[in-house]
């Protein structure tokens, strides 16, 4: 993609520069990155990036601007988690696009795979893209922050989204067993961007009435705001050990309210009518015949990292899903990924691109996270050893 830059990078690629980029991030995070980082960035044409950005903004507006959406999805939400979030929009939003083969003309087109209202990996992606730009001495005419965003404005937007005007000591990043998570480098790098921010396991929190506290230096410190990194699947496993249940009213602000984890998710796919969105149906409502099943994939609505995804569907698989659980699954039309990244000394690679937004009063595209694969699955859990696959960085021509 952007063939002159692709070819130039491939010819100049060195393992030493790649190790230098990883070393910069690992030094800042305080340890080795526990997932595979792709050796090469993706060089995105400006027109393709603009197409994905405009599609993302239209999709986010379609969901958030229509109050009836909130009512329409209630029957698909887990019990006790169907109350609307208190804020009119999330502070964070992400849209994942497959770079797909067009039906005609040979053009690569974006096709929406997923939407998230969850604040995953902002600090890590910021550090990684910057490290690649330095290590490979990429020229200033290649950008890696969103249009109109620079280092200063990114830091200010991120600070406001996470802290909401509070001092870092009053805010806690909360996850289940955070230092055992594969995303732990992002937690360390978030602390570097926001010195004084605590990282706390959800089972370590204490509750007094409707307020939450953390322990620090032998005393209880009140928490005014939670930077929420709780994935529902993980939180459910420890629910009996936590001082609150997700969705329970508390006297605390949320950066990424749990309600947005559910409402801005694969749950939106059957409601969207944008040209970049493949057809999707709830499993409980699908009109597909036997001959259609091979053209769709099955996804649990609220799973992460590809957990529970079924790529090759048949009637037996669908019959195995209990009737009561069917509203929590979506069928999405398959897309045909294009071979878009030419690699030095290897075959082409497929790519999925995540546009990452911060949302003060409007969604602002700040970062871009590609994931690359030679196989059928894009997540880092499925791309652990093949060169030039895994978690990536993206650059594009400056406006």
Protein backbone atom coordinates (compact mmCIF):
# COMPACT_ATOMS: atom_id res chain seq x y z
CA UNK A 1 0.00 0.00 0.00
CA UNK A 2 1.40 3.33 -1.15
CA UNK A 3 3.81 1.32 -3.24
CA UNK A 4 6.74 3.80 -3.22
CA UNK A 5 6.82 3.81 0.60
CA UNK A 6 6.21 0.07 0.79
CA UNK A 7 9.11 -0.66 -1.55
CA UNK A 8 11.40 1.88 0.12
CA UNK A 9 10.75 0.43 3.57
CA UNK A 10 11.22 -3.17 2.42
CA UNK A 11 14.55 -2.35 0.76
CA UNK A 12 15.84 -0.50 3.83
CA UNK A 13 14.40 -2.84 6.47
CA UNK A 14 16.81 -3.99 9.16
CA UNK A 15 16.24 -6.27 12.11
CA UNK A 16 18.38 -3.88 14.16
CA UNK A 17 15.98 -0.96 13.61
CA UNK A 18 13.00 -3.18 14.47
CA UNK A 19 14.67 -4.27 17.71
CA UNK A 20 15.43 -0.64 18.47
CA UNK A 21 11.74 0.26 18.11
CA UNK A 22 10.65 -2.59 20.38
CA UNK A 23 13.41 -1.76 22.85
CA UNK A 24 12.21 1.83 23.21
CA UNK A 25 8.68 0.70 24.08
CA UNK A 26 9.81 -2.13 26.34
CA UNK A 27 12.16 0.20 28.22
CA UNK A 28 9.31 2.65 28.82
CA UNK A 29 6.92 -0.13 29.86
CA UNK A 30 9.46 -1.92 32.04
CA UNK A 31 9.37 -5.34 30.38
CA UNK A 32 9.00 -7.40 27.22
CA UNK A 33 5.87 -6.95 25.10
CA UNK A 34 3.89 -10.19 25.61
CA UNK A 35 2.41 -10.35 22.11
CA UNK A 36 3.81 -10.29 18.60
CA UNK A 37 4.51 -6.92 17.00
CA UNK A 38 4.73 -6.90 13.20
CA UNK A 39 8.10 -5.88 11.79
CA UNK A 40 6.63 -3.44 9.27
CA UNK A 41 4.15 -0.60 9.44
CA UNK A 42 1.21 -0.35 7.07
CA UNK A 43 1.45 2.62 4.71
CA UNK A 44 -2.14 3.75 4.15
CA UNK A 45 -3.23 5.86 1.17
CA UNK A 46 -4.76 9.11 2.41
CA UNK A 47 -7.99 8.44 0.49
CA UNK A 48 -8.44 5.05 2.17
CA UNK A 49 -7.79 6.50 5.63
CA UNK A 50 -10.28 9.30 4.93
CA UNK A 51 -12.85 6.74 3.79
CA UNK A 52 -12.48 4.78 7.02
CA UNK A 53 -12.61 7.92 9.14
CA UNK A 54 -15.77 9.24 7.45
CA UNK A 55 -17.40 5.83 7.71
CA UNK A 56 -16.51 5.65 11.43
CA UNK A 57 -17.99 9.08 12.13
CA UNK A 58 -21.19 8.21 10.28
CA UNK A 59 -21.51 4.89 12.10
CA UNK A 60 -20.90 6.42 15.54
CA UNK A 61 -23.42 9.17 14.82
CA UNK A 62 -25.97 6.61 13.65
CA UNK A 63 -25.78 4.80 16.98
CA UNK A 64 -25.43 7.66 19.46
CA UNK A 65 -27.82 10.13 17.81
CA UNK A 66 -30.80 7.77 17.86
CA UNK A 67 -32.33 7.22 21.31
CA UNK A 68 -34.51 4.41 19.94
CA UNK A 69 -31.39 2.30 19.50
CA UNK A 70 -31.02 2.12 23.28
CA UNK A 71 -34.49 0.67 23.67
CA UNK A 72 -34.17 -1.69 20.70
CA UNK A 73 -31.12 -3.46 22.16
CA UNK A 74 -32.32 -4.00 25.72
CA UNK A 75 -33.47 -7.58 25.08
CA UNK A 76 -29.95 -8.46 23.88
CA UNK A 77 -28.14 -7.13 26.97
CA UNK A 78 -27.16 -9.25 29.98
CA UNK A 79 -29.56 -9.14 32.92
CA UNK A 80 -28.84 -6.18 35.19
CA UNK A 81 -26.77 -4.41 32.52
CA UNK A 82 -29.55 -2.99 30.38
CA UNK A 83 -29.73 0.46 32.00
CA UNK A 84 -28.54 3.25 29.69
CA UNK A 85 -25.16 4.88 30.49
CA UNK A 86 -25.40 8.22 32.29
CA UNK A 87 -23.31 10.06 29.69
CA UNK A 88 -24.67 10.84 26.19
CA UNK A 89 -21.64 9.33 24.45
CA UNK A 90 -18.52 7.36 25.44
CA UNK A 91 -15.13 9.00 25.97
CA UNK A 92 -13.53 6.33 23.76
CA UNK A 93 -14.63 4.63 20.55
CA UNK A 94 -12.94 2.30 18.10
CA UNK A 95 -13.97 1.01 14.67
CA UNK A 96 -12.28 -2.04 13.11
CA UNK A 97 -12.23 -2.35 9.32
CA UNK A 98 -11.14 -5.26 7.15
CA UNK A 99 -9.17 -4.13 4.12
CA UNK A 100 -11.22 -6.13 1.66
CA UNK A 101 -11.34 -6.93 -2.03
CA UNK A 102 -13.92 -4.87 -3.87
CA UNK A 103 -16.43 -6.70 -6.05
CA UNK A 104 -15.34 -4.70 -9.05
CA UNK A 105 -12.45 -2.55 -10.18
CA UNK A 106 -9.82 -4.23 -8.02
CA UNK A 107 -10.00 -1.46 -5.40
CA UNK A 108 -9.32 -2.19 -1.73
CA UNK A 109 -12.34 -1.15 0.33
CA UNK A 110 -12.94 -0.93 4.11
CA UNK A 111 -15.58 -3.24 5.59
CA UNK A 112 -16.62 -2.80 9.21
CA UNK A 113 -15.84 -5.79 11.41
CA UNK A 114 -16.53 -4.41 14.88
CA UNK A 115 -17.27 -1.30 16.95
CA UNK A 116 -16.08 -0.81 20.55
CA UNK A 117 -16.81 1.71 23.26
CA UNK A 118 -13.78 0.49 25.24
CA UNK A 119 -10.47 2.30 25.93
CA UNK A 120 -7.98 -0.36 24.90
CA UNK A 121 -4.29 0.34 24.11
CA UNK A 122 -4.23 4.11 23.52
CA UNK A 123 -1.01 4.69 25.45
CA UNK A 124 0.67 1.62 23.97
CA UNK A 125 -0.23 2.49 20.38
CA UNK A 126 0.98 6.05 20.88
CA UNK A 127 4.35 4.81 22.15
CA UNK A 128 4.73 2.11 19.49
CA UNK A 129 4.05 4.34 16.47
CA UNK A 130 6.40 7.00 17.79
CA UNK A 131 9.12 4.39 18.36
CA UNK A 132 8.78 3.02 14.81
CA UNK A 133 9.01 6.53 13.34
CA UNK A 134 12.24 7.13 15.27
CA UNK A 135 13.87 3.74 14.80
CA UNK A 136 13.29 3.63 11.04
CA UNK A 137 13.93 7.35 10.61
CA UNK A 138 10.63 7.84 8.80
CA UNK A 139 10.30 11.31 7.26
CA UNK A 140 7.98 14.01 8.64
CA UNK A 141 5.76 13.79 5.55
CA UNK A 142 4.44 10.53 7.02
CA UNK A 143 1.92 10.99 9.85
CA UNK A 144 0.84 8.56 12.56
CA UNK A 145 -1.43 10.77 14.69
CA UNK A 146 -4.90 11.67 13.41
CA UNK A 147 -5.40 14.66 11.12
CA UNK A 148 -4.95 17.88 13.08
CA UNK A 149 -3.66 16.03 16.18
CA UNK A 150 -0.13 16.52 17.47
CA UNK A 151 1.70 15.18 20.52
CA UNK A 152 0.44 18.02 22.72
CA UNK A 153 -3.21 17.79 21.69
CA UNK A 154 -3.18 13.99 21.97
CA UNK A 155 -1.82 14.22 25.52
CA UNK A 156 -4.46 16.81 26.45
CA UNK A 157 -7.33 14.81 24.91
CA UNK A 158 -6.18 11.59 26.56
CA UNK A 159 -5.74 13.26 29.93
CA UNK A 160 -9.25 14.74 29.80
CA UNK A 161 -10.81 11.43 28.68
CA UNK A 162 -9.18 9.44 31.48
CA UNK A 163 -9.12 11.95 34.35
CA UNK A 164 -12.16 14.10 33.57
CA UNK A 165 -10.64 17.05 35.42
CA UNK A 166 -9.59 15.07 38.52
CA UNK A 167 -6.07 14.71 39.82
CA UNK A 168 -4.45 11.39 38.83
CA UNK A 169 -4.36 10.23 42.46
CA UNK A 170 -8.19 10.40 42.53
CA UNK A 171 -8.52 8.09 39.51
CA UNK A 172 -7.83 4.35 39.31
CA UNK A 173 -7.29 2.19 36.24
CA UNK A 174 -9.25 -0.96 37.15
CA UNK A 175 -8.95 -4.41 35.57
CA UNK A 176 -9.06 -8.03 36.67
CA UNK A 177 -5.55 -8.98 37.81
CA UNK A 178 -4.03 -6.17 35.68
CA UNK A 179 -0.37 -7.23 35.79
CA UNK A 180 -1.27 -10.71 34.50
CA UNK A 181 -3.09 -9.28 31.46
CA UNK A 182 -1.51 -9.36 28.02
CA UNK A 183 -2.21 -5.62 27.82
CA UNK A 184 -0.18 -4.77 30.92
CA UNK A 185 2.40 -2.69 28.94
CA UNK A 186 -0.43 -0.31 28.09
CA UNK A 187 -1.14 0.15 31.81
CA UNK A 188 2.49 1.11 32.51
CA UNK A 189 2.57 3.48 29.56
CA UNK A 190 -0.72 5.04 30.67
CA UNK A 191 0.91 5.74 34.04
CA UNK A 192 3.83 7.40 32.24
CA UNK A 193 1.40 9.69 30.42
CA UNK A 194 -0.55 10.32 33.65
CA UNK A 195 1.91 10.17 36.59
CA UNK A 196 0.16 9.36 39.85
CA UNK A 197 -2.57 7.23 38.28
CA UNK A 198 -3.09 3.98 40.23
CA UNK A 199 -3.55 0.58 38.60
CA UNK A 200 -5.76 -1.63 40.76
CA UNK A 201 -7.22 -5.12 40.50
CA UNK A 202 -10.99 -5.02 40.86
CA UNK A 203 -10.92 -7.51 43.76
CA UNK A 204 -8.55 -5.20 45.66
CA UNK A 205 -11.05 -2.33 45.76
CA UNK A 206 -12.93 -1.58 48.96
CA UNK A 207 -16.45 -0.23 49.28
CA UNK A 208 -17.97 2.07 51.89
CA UNK A 209 -21.63 2.69 51.12
CA UNK A 210 -21.70 3.69 47.45
CA UNK A 211 -18.08 4.87 47.37
CA UNK A 212 -14.99 2.97 46.25
CA UNK A 213 -11.52 3.08 47.82
CA UNK A 214 -8.07 1.68 47.09
CA UNK A 215 -5.31 0.86 49.55
CA UNK A 216 -2.09 2.88 49.37
CA UNK A 217 0.65 3.11 51.98
CA UNK A 218 -1.55 1.61 54.67
CA UNK A 219 -4.53 3.93 54.15
CA UNK A 220 -7.72 3.95 52.13
CA UNK A 221 -7.71 6.44 49.25
CA UNK A 222 -11.14 7.46 47.86
CA UNK A 223 -11.67 6.93 44.12
CA UNK A 224 -13.53 9.70 42.31
CA UNK A 225 -13.27 8.17 38.83
CA UNK A 226 -12.62 4.69 37.42
CA UNK A 227 -10.65 4.26 34.19
CA UNK A 228 -12.53 1.12 33.26
CA UNK A 229 -10.53 -1.68 31.63
CA UNK A 230 -12.83 -4.48 32.80
CA UNK A 231 -13.70 -6.95 30.05
CA UNK A 232 -17.05 -8.51 30.96
CA UNK A 233 -15.93 -12.12 30.38
CA UNK A 234 -13.08 -11.64 32.84
CA UNK A 235 -15.16 -9.65 35.35
CA UNK A 236 -17.81 -12.37 35.50
CA UNK A 237 -15.21 -14.91 36.65
CA UNK A 238 -14.47 -12.96 39.83
CA UNK A 239 -17.90 -11.45 40.45
CA UNK A 240 -18.24 -13.11 43.85
CA UNK A 241 -14.95 -11.54 45.00
CA UNK A 242 -15.63 -7.93 43.93
CA UNK A 243 -17.19 -5.14 46.01
CA UNK A 244 -19.72 -4.29 43.29
CA UNK A 245 -21.40 -5.73 40.21
CA UNK A 246 -21.08 -4.11 36.81
CA UNK A 247 -24.11 -1.91 36.19
CA UNK A 248 -24.71 -1.28 39.90
CA UNK A 249 -25.14 2.43 40.77
CA UNK A 250 -22.09 3.84 42.58
CA UNK A 251 -20.94 7.28 43.67
CA UNK A 252 -18.09 7.29 41.14
CA UNK A 253 -17.46 8.66 37.66
CA UNK A 254 -16.53 6.29 34.85
CA UNK A 255 -14.07 6.79 32.03
CA UNK A 256 -15.70 4.29 29.70
CA UNK A 257 -18.91 3.51 31.58
CA UNK A 258 -19.65 -0.25 31.56
CA UNK A 259 -22.85 0.50 29.67
CA UNK A 260 -20.86 1.61 26.63
CA UNK A 261 -18.90 -1.66 26.66
CA UNK A 262 -22.19 -3.38 25.82
CA UNK A 263 -24.02 -0.79 23.74
CA UNK A 264 -21.11 0.15 21.49
CA UNK A 265 -20.05 -3.36 20.49
CA UNK A 266 -20.96 -6.07 17.99
CA UNK A 267 -24.47 -5.39 19.26
CA UNK A 268 -24.74 -2.43 16.85
CA UNK A 269 -24.00 -4.43 13.70
CA UNK A 270 -27.57 -5.55 12.82
CA UNK A 271 -28.82 -1.96 13.17
CA UNK A 272 -26.32 -0.26 10.86
CA UNK A 273 -27.15 0.62 7.26
CA UNK A 274 -23.89 2.21 6.13
CA UNK A 275 -22.36 1.03 2.81
CA UNK A 276 -19.18 -0.13 4.58
CA UNK A 277 -21.09 -2.45 6.93
CA UNK A 278 -21.63 -6.10 5.91
CA UNK A 279 -25.08 -7.54 6.55
CA UNK A 280 -25.64 -8.81 10.08
CA UNK A 281 -28.48 -10.45 12.01
CA UNK A 282 -29.05 -11.52 15.58
CA UNK A 283 -28.98 -15.30 15.77
CA UNK A 284 -32.41 -15.20 17.40
CA UNK A 285 -33.87 -13.36 14.40
CA UNK A 286 -31.88 -14.49 11.37
CA UNK A 287 -33.71 -15.22 8.09
CA UNK A 288 -30.94 -17.35 6.55
CA UNK A 289 -31.50 -20.62 4.75
CA UNK A 290 -29.15 -23.59 4.81
CA UNK A 291 -27.52 -22.45 1.56
CA UNK A 292 -26.62 -19.03 3.10
CA UNK A 293 -24.73 -20.23 6.16
CA UNK A 294 -21.36 -20.55 4.44
CA UNK A 295 -21.39 -16.81 3.72
CA UNK A 296 -21.67 -15.79 7.40
CA UNK A 297 -19.63 -16.02 10.60
CA UNK A 298 -21.03 -16.40 14.11
CA UNK A 299 -19.85 -14.05 16.87
CA UNK A 300 -20.73 -13.75 20.57
CA UNK A 301 -21.79 -10.14 21.13
CA UNK A 302 -19.57 -9.31 24.09
CA UNK A 303 -16.47 -11.47 23.67
CA UNK A 304 -12.99 -10.06 23.07
CA UNK A 305 -9.95 -11.13 21.02
CA UNK A 306 -11.88 -13.48 18.75
CA UNK A 307 -13.10 -15.71 21.57
CA UNK A 308 -16.06 -17.82 20.49
CA UNK A 309 -15.85 -16.85 16.82
CA UNK A 310 -17.10 -19.56 14.39
CA UNK A 311 -15.81 -19.07 10.84
CA UNK A 312 -17.37 -22.10 9.15
CA UNK A 313 -21.04 -22.39 9.97
CA UNK A 314 -23.42 -25.29 9.57
CA UNK A 315 -26.87 -26.12 10.90
CA UNK A 316 -25.48 -28.37 13.62
CA UNK A 317 -23.41 -25.50 15.04
CA UNK A 318 -26.44 -23.23 15.17
CA UNK A 319 -28.67 -25.88 16.72
CA UNK A 320 -26.10 -26.31 19.51
CA UNK A 321 -26.70 -22.74 20.73
CA UNK A 322 -29.48 -22.85 23.36
CA UNK A 323 -32.57 -20.84 22.46
CA UNK A 324 -32.21 -18.59 25.51
CA UNK A 325 -28.65 -17.62 24.49
CA UNK A 326 -29.36 -16.80 20.84
CA UNK A 327 -30.04 -13.07 21.38
CA UNK A 328 -26.40 -12.81 22.56
CA UNK A 329 -24.96 -13.91 19.18
CA UNK A 330 -24.72 -12.15 15.85
CA UNK A 331 -24.32 -13.53 12.33
CA UNK A 332 -22.16 -11.30 10.12
CA UNK A 333 -21.58 -11.63 6.41
CA UNK A 334 -18.03 -12.71 5.57
CA UNK A 335 -15.67 -10.31 3.84
CA UNK A 336 -12.82 -11.32 1.55
CA UNK A 337 -9.61 -9.84 2.89
CA UNK A 338 -7.25 -8.44 0.26
CA UNK A 339 -3.54 -9.24 0.17
CA UNK A 340 -2.38 -5.69 0.81
CA UNK A 341 1.02 -5.67 2.51
CA UNK A 342 4.01 -6.84 0.48
CA UNK A 343 6.78 -8.07 2.77
CA UNK A 344 10.53 -8.44 2.15
CA UNK A 345 11.29 -12.07 1.37
CA UNK A 346 7.75 -13.30 2.07
CA UNK A 347 4.25 -13.51 0.70
CA UNK A 348 1.64 -10.77 1.03
CA UNK A 349 -0.21 -10.13 4.27
CA UNK A 350 -3.84 -9.31 5.02
CA UNK A 351 -4.79 -6.47 7.29
CA UNK A 352 -7.47 -5.15 9.62
CA UNK A 353 -7.29 -1.50 10.66
CA UNK A 354 -8.66 -0.03 13.91
CA UNK A 355 -9.38 3.69 14.03
CA UNK A 356 -9.14 4.91 17.62
CA UNK A 357 -11.18 7.94 18.72
CA UNK A 358 -11.23 10.14 21.81
CA UNK A 359 -14.58 11.85 22.32
CA UNK A 360 -14.67 15.14 24.23
CA UNK A 361 -17.66 16.81 22.50
CA UNK A 362 -17.19 15.06 19.14
CA UNK A 363 -15.23 11.96 18.08
CA UNK A 364 -11.60 12.83 17.27
CA UNK A 365 -9.50 10.28 15.39
CA UNK A 366 -6.20 10.13 17.27
CA UNK A 367 -4.49 6.79 16.53
CA UNK A 368 -4.58 3.88 14.11
CA UNK A 369 -3.89 0.25 14.98
CA UNK A 370 -3.50 -2.34 12.19
CA UNK A 371 -3.36 -6.08 12.79
CA UNK A 372 -1.80 -8.32 10.16
CA UNK A 373 -2.10 -11.98 9.29
CA UNK A 374 -1.42 -14.52 6.56
CA UNK A 375 -4.30 -16.66 7.83
CA UNK A 376 -8.00 -16.21 8.45
CA UNK A 377 -7.81 -14.67 11.93
CA UNK A 378 -6.36 -11.25 12.65
CA UNK A 379 -5.90 -11.11 16.42
CA UNK A 380 -2.47 -11.32 18.06
CA UNK A 381 -3.52 -14.52 19.82
CA UNK A 382 -3.67 -16.18 16.39
CA UNK A 383 -0.49 -14.61 14.96
CA UNK A 384 2.32 -15.48 17.31
CA UNK A 385 5.27 -16.49 15.13
CA UNK A 386 4.80 -15.73 11.42
CA UNK A 387 7.09 -12.85 10.33
CA UNK A 388 5.44 -9.54 9.45
CA UNK A 389 2.18 -10.44 11.19
CA UNK A 390 0.63 -9.41 14.50
CA UNK A 391 0.06 -6.03 16.14
CA UNK A 392 1.17 -3.20 13.86
CA UNK A 393 1.60 0.50 13.27
CA UNK A 394 0.27 2.70 10.47
CA UNK A 395 1.58 5.76 8.64
CA UNK A 396 0.07 7.91 5.88
CA UNK A 397 0.98 11.04 3.88
CA UNK A 398 0.71 14.33 5.77
CA UNK A 399 -2.10 16.54 4.57
